[in-house]
Amino acid sequence: MRTLEWDNMGVRVDGRQIHHLRFADDIVLITPDISQAERMLADFDKACGKIGLRLNLKKTMFMKNGLVSFAPFTLNGTNISECSSYVYLGREINIMNDLAPVLGNERLGELSRASRM
């Protein structure tokens, strides 16, 4: 990942450029547009190939916000599936950053009771 030239890619958060999150074999690429995402995925795929690794395109997905109406996304001519949520490090991530699927009804009940005190 350090060899990839992504200094101007990704999004700025608190003055830092963020273009990916990674832990073991779970990797999330973060980008403001589809063309940059395709380039980053192609760069990442190429870097993986150099060390004998291959992306599992059946497990590779992309998620977009509501500002993008139609966004075909491909890698080397293969369509990448779109998702509305995914699990990263055991936490469900969705575009609305909705915590309800993570907390579950029991935990939400506890929060509701605590807020009434």
N, C-alpha and C. Protein backbone atom coordinates (compact mmCIF):
# COMPACT_ATOMS: atom_id res chain seq x y z
N MET A 1 0.82 -1.19 0.00
CA MET A 1 0.00 0.00 0.00
C MET A 1 0.87 1.26 0.00
N ARG A 2 2.01 1.18 0.62
CA ARG A 2 2.88 2.36 0.70
C ARG A 2 3.46 2.74 -0.65
N THR A 3 3.56 1.78 -1.56
CA THR A 3 4.14 2.08 -2.86
C THR A 3 3.15 2.71 -3.82
N LEU A 4 1.87 2.67 -3.49
CA LEU A 4 0.86 3.26 -4.36
C LEU A 4 0.91 4.78 -4.26
N GLU A 5 0.82 5.43 -5.38
CA GLU A 5 0.90 6.89 -5.41
C GLU A 5 -0.50 7.49 -5.33
N TRP A 6 -1.01 7.52 -4.11
CA TRP A 6 -2.38 7.98 -3.88
C TRP A 6 -2.43 9.25 -3.02
N ASP A 7 -1.34 10.01 -2.99
CA ASP A 7 -1.29 11.19 -2.11
C ASP A 7 -2.41 12.19 -2.38
N ASN A 8 -2.84 12.32 -3.62
CA ASN A 8 -3.90 13.27 -3.96
C ASN A 8 -5.25 12.60 -4.17
N MET A 9 -5.38 11.37 -3.70
CA MET A 9 -6.63 10.64 -3.87
C MET A 9 -7.33 10.53 -2.52
N GLY A 10 -8.58 10.12 -2.58
CA GLY A 10 -9.34 9.93 -1.35
C GLY A 10 -10.09 11.19 -0.95
N VAL A 11 -10.32 11.31 0.34
CA VAL A 11 -11.04 12.47 0.88
C VAL A 11 -10.26 13.06 2.04
N ARG A 12 -10.44 14.35 2.26
CA ARG A 12 -9.75 15.03 3.35
C ARG A 12 -10.61 14.99 4.60
N VAL A 13 -10.03 14.47 5.69
CA VAL A 13 -10.72 14.39 6.98
C VAL A 13 -9.79 14.98 8.03
N ASP A 14 -10.23 16.03 8.69
CA ASP A 14 -9.43 16.70 9.72
C ASP A 14 -8.02 17.01 9.24
N GLY A 15 -7.90 17.51 8.02
CA GLY A 15 -6.61 17.91 7.48
C GLY A 15 -5.75 16.78 6.95
N ARG A 16 -6.23 15.54 7.00
CA ARG A 16 -5.46 14.40 6.50
C ARG A 16 -6.17 13.79 5.31
N GLN A 17 -5.39 13.35 4.34
CA GLN A 17 -5.95 12.69 3.17
C GLN A 17 -6.15 11.21 3.50
N ILE A 18 -7.40 10.73 3.43
CA ILE A 18 -7.73 9.34 3.73
C ILE A 18 -8.16 8.67 2.43
N HIS A 19 -7.47 7.60 2.03
CA HIS A 19 -7.84 6.91 0.80
C HIS A 19 -8.14 5.43 1.01
N HIS A 20 -7.84 4.91 2.18
CA HIS A 20 -8.18 3.51 2.44
C HIS A 20 -8.17 3.22 3.94
N LEU A 21 -8.87 2.17 4.29
CA LEU A 21 -8.83 1.58 5.62
C LEU A 21 -8.44 0.13 5.41
N ARG A 22 -7.60 -0.40 6.26
CA ARG A 22 -7.21 -1.81 6.08
C ARG A 22 -6.95 -2.47 7.42
N PHE A 23 -7.28 -3.74 7.46
CA PHE A 23 -6.96 -4.59 8.59
C PHE A 23 -6.93 -6.01 8.05
N ALA A 24 -5.79 -6.65 8.13
CA ALA A 24 -5.60 -8.01 7.59
C ALA A 24 -6.01 -8.01 6.12
N ASP A 25 -6.99 -8.82 5.75
CA ASP A 25 -7.38 -8.87 4.34
C ASP A 25 -8.66 -8.08 4.06
N ASP A 26 -9.09 -7.25 5.01
CA ASP A 26 -10.24 -6.37 4.80
C ASP A 26 -9.75 -4.98 4.43
N ILE A 27 -10.09 -4.54 3.23
CA ILE A 27 -9.63 -3.25 2.74
C ILE A 27 -10.80 -2.47 2.18
N VAL A 28 -10.89 -1.20 2.56
CA VAL A 28 -11.91 -0.30 2.04
C VAL A 28 -11.19 0.86 1.36
N LEU A 29 -11.49 1.09 0.08
CA LEU A 29 -10.95 2.24 -0.63
C LEU A 29 -11.97 3.37 -0.52
N ILE A 30 -11.49 4.57 -0.26
CA ILE A 30 -12.37 5.73 -0.05
C ILE A 30 -12.03 6.78 -1.10
N THR A 31 -13.04 7.21 -1.85
CA THR A 31 -12.80 8.15 -2.93
C THR A 31 -14.06 8.96 -3.22
N PRO A 32 -13.91 10.18 -3.73
CA PRO A 32 -15.09 11.00 -4.00
C PRO A 32 -15.77 10.73 -5.34
N ASP A 33 -15.15 9.97 -6.24
CA ASP A 33 -15.81 9.73 -7.52
C ASP A 33 -15.44 8.37 -8.12
N ILE A 34 -16.28 7.93 -9.05
CA ILE A 34 -16.14 6.59 -9.65
C ILE A 34 -14.84 6.44 -10.43
N SER A 35 -14.46 7.45 -11.22
CA SER A 35 -13.24 7.31 -12.02
C SER A 35 -12.02 7.15 -11.13
N GLN A 36 -11.97 7.89 -10.03
CA GLN A 36 -10.85 7.74 -9.10
C GLN A 36 -10.90 6.37 -8.43
N ALA A 37 -12.09 5.90 -8.11
CA ALA A 37 -12.23 4.58 -7.50
C ALA A 37 -11.75 3.48 -8.44
N GLU A 38 -12.11 3.59 -9.72
CA GLU A 38 -11.66 2.59 -10.70
C GLU A 38 -10.14 2.60 -10.81
N ARG A 39 -9.54 3.80 -10.83
CA ARG A 39 -8.08 3.89 -10.91
C ARG A 39 -7.43 3.28 -9.68
N MET A 40 -7.97 3.61 -8.50
CA MET A 40 -7.40 3.07 -7.26
C MET A 40 -7.52 1.55 -7.21
N LEU A 41 -8.67 1.02 -7.63
CA LEU A 41 -8.85 -0.42 -7.61
C LEU A 41 -7.90 -1.10 -8.60
N ALA A 42 -7.72 -0.49 -9.78
CA ALA A 42 -6.78 -1.04 -10.77
C ALA A 42 -5.35 -1.00 -10.23
N ASP A 43 -4.96 0.12 -9.61
CA ASP A 43 -3.63 0.23 -9.00
C ASP A 43 -3.43 -0.83 -7.93
N PHE A 44 -4.44 -1.00 -7.09
CA PHE A 44 -4.37 -1.98 -6.01
C PHE A 44 -4.27 -3.40 -6.56
N ASP A 45 -5.07 -3.70 -7.58
CA ASP A 45 -5.03 -5.01 -8.21
C ASP A 45 -3.64 -5.30 -8.80
N LYS A 46 -3.06 -4.30 -9.43
CA LYS A 46 -1.72 -4.44 -10.01
C LYS A 46 -0.68 -4.67 -8.92
N ALA A 47 -0.76 -3.91 -7.83
CA ALA A 47 0.18 -4.08 -6.71
C ALA A 47 0.04 -5.47 -6.09
N CYS A 48 -1.19 -5.95 -5.97
CA CYS A 48 -1.42 -7.31 -5.44
C CYS A 48 -0.77 -8.35 -6.35
N GLY A 49 -0.97 -8.18 -7.66
CA GLY A 49 -0.40 -9.12 -8.62
C GLY A 49 1.12 -9.20 -8.54
N LYS A 50 1.77 -8.09 -8.23
CA LYS A 50 3.24 -8.07 -8.13
C LYS A 50 3.76 -8.95 -7.01
N ILE A 51 2.93 -9.20 -6.00
CA ILE A 51 3.38 -10.05 -4.88
C ILE A 51 2.63 -11.38 -4.85
N GLY A 52 1.99 -11.71 -5.98
CA GLY A 52 1.36 -13.02 -6.10
C GLY A 52 -0.04 -13.14 -5.52
N LEU A 53 -0.69 -12.02 -5.25
CA LEU A 53 -2.06 -12.04 -4.72
C LEU A 53 -3.05 -11.65 -5.80
N ARG A 54 -4.28 -12.12 -5.65
CA ARG A 54 -5.35 -11.76 -6.60
C ARG A 54 -6.57 -11.29 -5.82
N LEU A 55 -7.22 -10.27 -6.35
CA LEU A 55 -8.47 -9.81 -5.74
C LEU A 55 -9.56 -10.82 -6.03
N ASN A 56 -10.40 -11.07 -5.07
CA ASN A 56 -11.57 -11.92 -5.27
C ASN A 56 -12.70 -11.01 -5.74
N LEU A 57 -12.95 -10.99 -7.05
CA LEU A 57 -13.94 -10.08 -7.61
C LEU A 57 -15.37 -10.44 -7.21
N LYS A 58 -15.58 -11.66 -6.73
CA LYS A 58 -16.91 -12.03 -6.24
C LYS A 58 -17.19 -11.38 -4.88
N LYS A 59 -16.13 -11.08 -4.14
CA LYS A 59 -16.29 -10.44 -2.83
C LYS A 59 -16.05 -8.93 -2.90
N THR A 60 -15.57 -8.46 -4.04
CA THR A 60 -15.29 -7.04 -4.22
C THR A 60 -16.58 -6.32 -4.58
N MET A 61 -16.90 -5.26 -3.83
CA MET A 61 -18.13 -4.50 -4.06
C MET A 61 -17.85 -3.02 -3.90
N PHE A 62 -18.80 -2.23 -4.40
CA PHE A 62 -18.69 -0.79 -4.18
C PHE A 62 -20.00 -0.25 -3.65
N MET A 63 -19.88 0.84 -2.91
CA MET A 63 -21.05 1.51 -2.36
C MET A 63 -20.94 2.98 -2.74
N LYS A 64 -22.04 3.57 -3.16
CA LYS A 64 -22.04 4.97 -3.55
C LYS A 64 -23.09 5.73 -2.76
N ASN A 65 -22.92 7.04 -2.70
CA ASN A 65 -23.93 7.84 -2.02
C ASN A 65 -25.05 8.19 -2.99
N GLY A 66 -26.09 8.82 -2.50
CA GLY A 66 -27.25 9.15 -3.31
C GLY A 66 -27.01 10.24 -4.34
N LEU A 67 -25.86 10.89 -4.31
CA LEU A 67 -25.56 11.94 -5.27
C LEU A 67 -25.18 11.39 -6.64
N VAL A 68 -24.84 10.12 -6.70
CA VAL A 68 -24.47 9.47 -7.96
C VAL A 68 -25.66 8.62 -8.40
N SER A 69 -26.29 8.99 -9.52
CA SER A 69 -27.50 8.26 -9.93
C SER A 69 -27.18 6.90 -10.53
N PHE A 70 -26.30 6.84 -11.50
CA PHE A 70 -25.95 5.57 -12.12
C PHE A 70 -24.44 5.50 -12.19
N ALA A 71 -23.88 4.45 -11.69
CA ALA A 71 -22.43 4.37 -11.61
C ALA A 71 -21.93 2.97 -11.94
N PRO A 72 -21.80 2.64 -13.24
CA PRO A 72 -21.20 1.34 -13.53
C PRO A 72 -19.75 1.36 -13.07
N PHE A 73 -19.29 0.27 -12.51
CA PHE A 73 -17.96 0.21 -11.93
C PHE A 73 -17.31 -1.08 -12.40
N THR A 74 -16.15 -0.99 -13.01
CA THR A 74 -15.50 -2.18 -13.58
C THR A 74 -14.03 -2.24 -13.20
N LEU A 75 -13.50 -3.45 -13.28
CA LEU A 75 -12.07 -3.68 -13.16
C LEU A 75 -11.69 -4.64 -14.26
N ASN A 76 -10.84 -4.19 -15.16
CA ASN A 76 -10.40 -5.01 -16.30
C ASN A 76 -11.58 -5.61 -17.06
N GLY A 77 -12.63 -4.81 -17.26
CA GLY A 77 -13.79 -5.26 -18.01
C GLY A 77 -14.80 -6.07 -17.21
N THR A 78 -14.51 -6.37 -15.96
CA THR A 78 -15.44 -7.13 -15.11
C THR A 78 -16.25 -6.15 -14.27
N ASN A 79 -17.58 -6.30 -14.32
CA ASN A 79 -18.45 -5.44 -13.50
C ASN A 79 -18.28 -5.77 -12.02
N ILE A 80 -18.18 -4.74 -11.22
CA ILE A 80 -18.10 -4.89 -9.77
C ILE A 80 -19.50 -4.64 -9.21
N SER A 81 -19.95 -5.51 -8.33
CA SER A 81 -21.30 -5.41 -7.76
C SER A 81 -21.42 -4.21 -6.84
N GLU A 82 -22.61 -3.60 -6.86
CA GLU A 82 -22.91 -2.49 -5.96
C GLU A 82 -23.61 -3.05 -4.72
N CYS A 83 -23.35 -2.45 -3.57
CA CYS A 83 -24.03 -2.85 -2.34
C CYS A 83 -24.55 -1.61 -1.62
N SER A 84 -25.53 -1.81 -0.75
CA SER A 84 -26.05 -0.69 0.02
C SER A 84 -25.47 -0.68 1.44
N SER A 85 -24.83 -1.79 1.82
CA SER A 85 -24.14 -1.88 3.11
C SER A 85 -23.13 -3.01 3.03
N TYR A 86 -22.19 -3.02 3.95
CA TYR A 86 -21.21 -4.11 4.03
C TYR A 86 -20.73 -4.20 5.47
N VAL A 87 -20.09 -5.31 5.79
CA VAL A 87 -19.56 -5.50 7.14
C VAL A 87 -18.04 -5.30 7.08
N TYR A 88 -17.53 -4.40 7.90
CA TYR A 88 -16.10 -4.15 7.99
C TYR A 88 -15.71 -4.28 9.45
N LEU A 89 -14.83 -5.22 9.74
CA LEU A 89 -14.37 -5.51 11.10
C LEU A 89 -15.54 -5.75 12.04
N GLY A 90 -16.53 -6.47 11.56
CA GLY A 90 -17.66 -6.86 12.38
C GLY A 90 -18.74 -5.80 12.54
N ARG A 91 -18.59 -4.66 11.91
CA ARG A 91 -19.59 -3.59 12.02
C ARG A 91 -20.22 -3.35 10.66
N GLU A 92 -21.55 -3.28 10.64
CA GLU A 92 -22.23 -2.99 9.38
C GLU A 92 -22.06 -1.51 9.05
N ILE A 93 -21.61 -1.25 7.83
CA ILE A 93 -21.42 0.10 7.34
C ILE A 93 -22.47 0.35 6.26
N ASN A 94 -23.15 1.49 6.34
CA ASN A 94 -24.06 1.86 5.27
C ASN A 94 -23.91 3.35 5.01
N ILE A 95 -24.43 3.80 3.90
CA ILE A 95 -24.20 5.18 3.47
C ILE A 95 -24.78 6.20 4.44
N MET A 96 -25.79 5.81 5.20
CA MET A 96 -26.41 6.73 6.17
C MET A 96 -25.71 6.67 7.53
N ASN A 97 -24.71 5.79 7.67
CA ASN A 97 -24.02 5.56 8.94
C ASN A 97 -25.03 5.25 10.05
N ASP A 98 -26.02 4.46 9.70
CA ASP A 98 -27.10 4.07 10.60
C ASP A 98 -26.58 3.03 11.58
N LEU A 99 -26.61 3.32 12.87
CA LEU A 99 -26.09 2.41 13.88
C LEU A 99 -27.10 1.36 14.33
N ALA A 100 -28.35 1.49 13.94
CA ALA A 100 -29.38 0.55 14.39
C ALA A 100 -29.04 -0.91 14.07
N PRO A 101 -28.57 -1.25 12.86
CA PRO A 101 -28.25 -2.66 12.61
C PRO A 101 -27.16 -3.19 13.54
N VAL A 102 -26.27 -2.32 13.99
CA VAL A 102 -25.17 -2.74 14.85
C VAL A 102 -25.65 -2.92 16.28
N LEU A 103 -26.40 -1.97 16.76
CA LEU A 103 -26.80 -1.98 18.15
C LEU A 103 -27.89 -3.00 18.45
N GLY A 104 -28.80 -3.18 17.53
CA GLY A 104 -29.90 -4.11 17.75
C GLY A 104 -30.94 -3.48 18.66
N ASN A 105 -32.11 -4.05 18.67
CA ASN A 105 -33.22 -3.48 19.44
C ASN A 105 -32.96 -3.45 20.94
N GLU A 106 -32.29 -4.48 21.48
CA GLU A 106 -32.04 -4.52 22.92
C GLU A 106 -31.18 -3.34 23.35
N ARG A 107 -30.11 -3.09 22.63
CA ARG A 107 -29.21 -1.98 22.97
C ARG A 107 -29.91 -0.64 22.78
N LEU A 108 -30.72 -0.51 21.73
CA LEU A 108 -31.45 0.73 21.53
C LEU A 108 -32.41 0.98 22.68
N GLY A 109 -33.02 -0.08 23.21
CA GLY A 109 -33.90 0.05 24.36
C GLY A 109 -33.16 0.57 25.57
N GLU A 110 -31.94 0.07 25.79
CA GLU A 110 -31.13 0.54 26.90
C GLU A 110 -30.80 2.02 26.74
N LEU A 111 -30.46 2.43 25.52
CA LEU A 111 -30.15 3.83 25.27
C LEU A 111 -31.37 4.71 25.49
N SER A 112 -32.52 4.22 25.06
CA SER A 112 -33.76 4.97 25.24
C SER A 112 -34.07 5.16 26.72
N ARG A 113 -33.92 4.08 27.50
CA ARG A 113 -34.18 4.17 28.94
C ARG A 113 -33.19 5.13 29.60
N ALA A 114 -31.95 5.07 29.21
CA ALA A 114 -30.93 5.93 29.80
C ALA A 114 -31.20 7.39 29.48
N SER A 115 -31.71 7.67 28.29
CA SER A 115 -31.96 9.06 27.91
C SER A 115 -33.13 9.67 28.66
N ARG A 116 -34.01 8.83 29.22
CA ARG A 116 -35.17 9.35 29.96
C ARG A 116 -34.83 9.63 31.42
N MET A 117 -33.64 9.26 31.87
CA MET A 117 -33.26 9.47 33.28
C MET A 117 -32.87 10.90 33.53
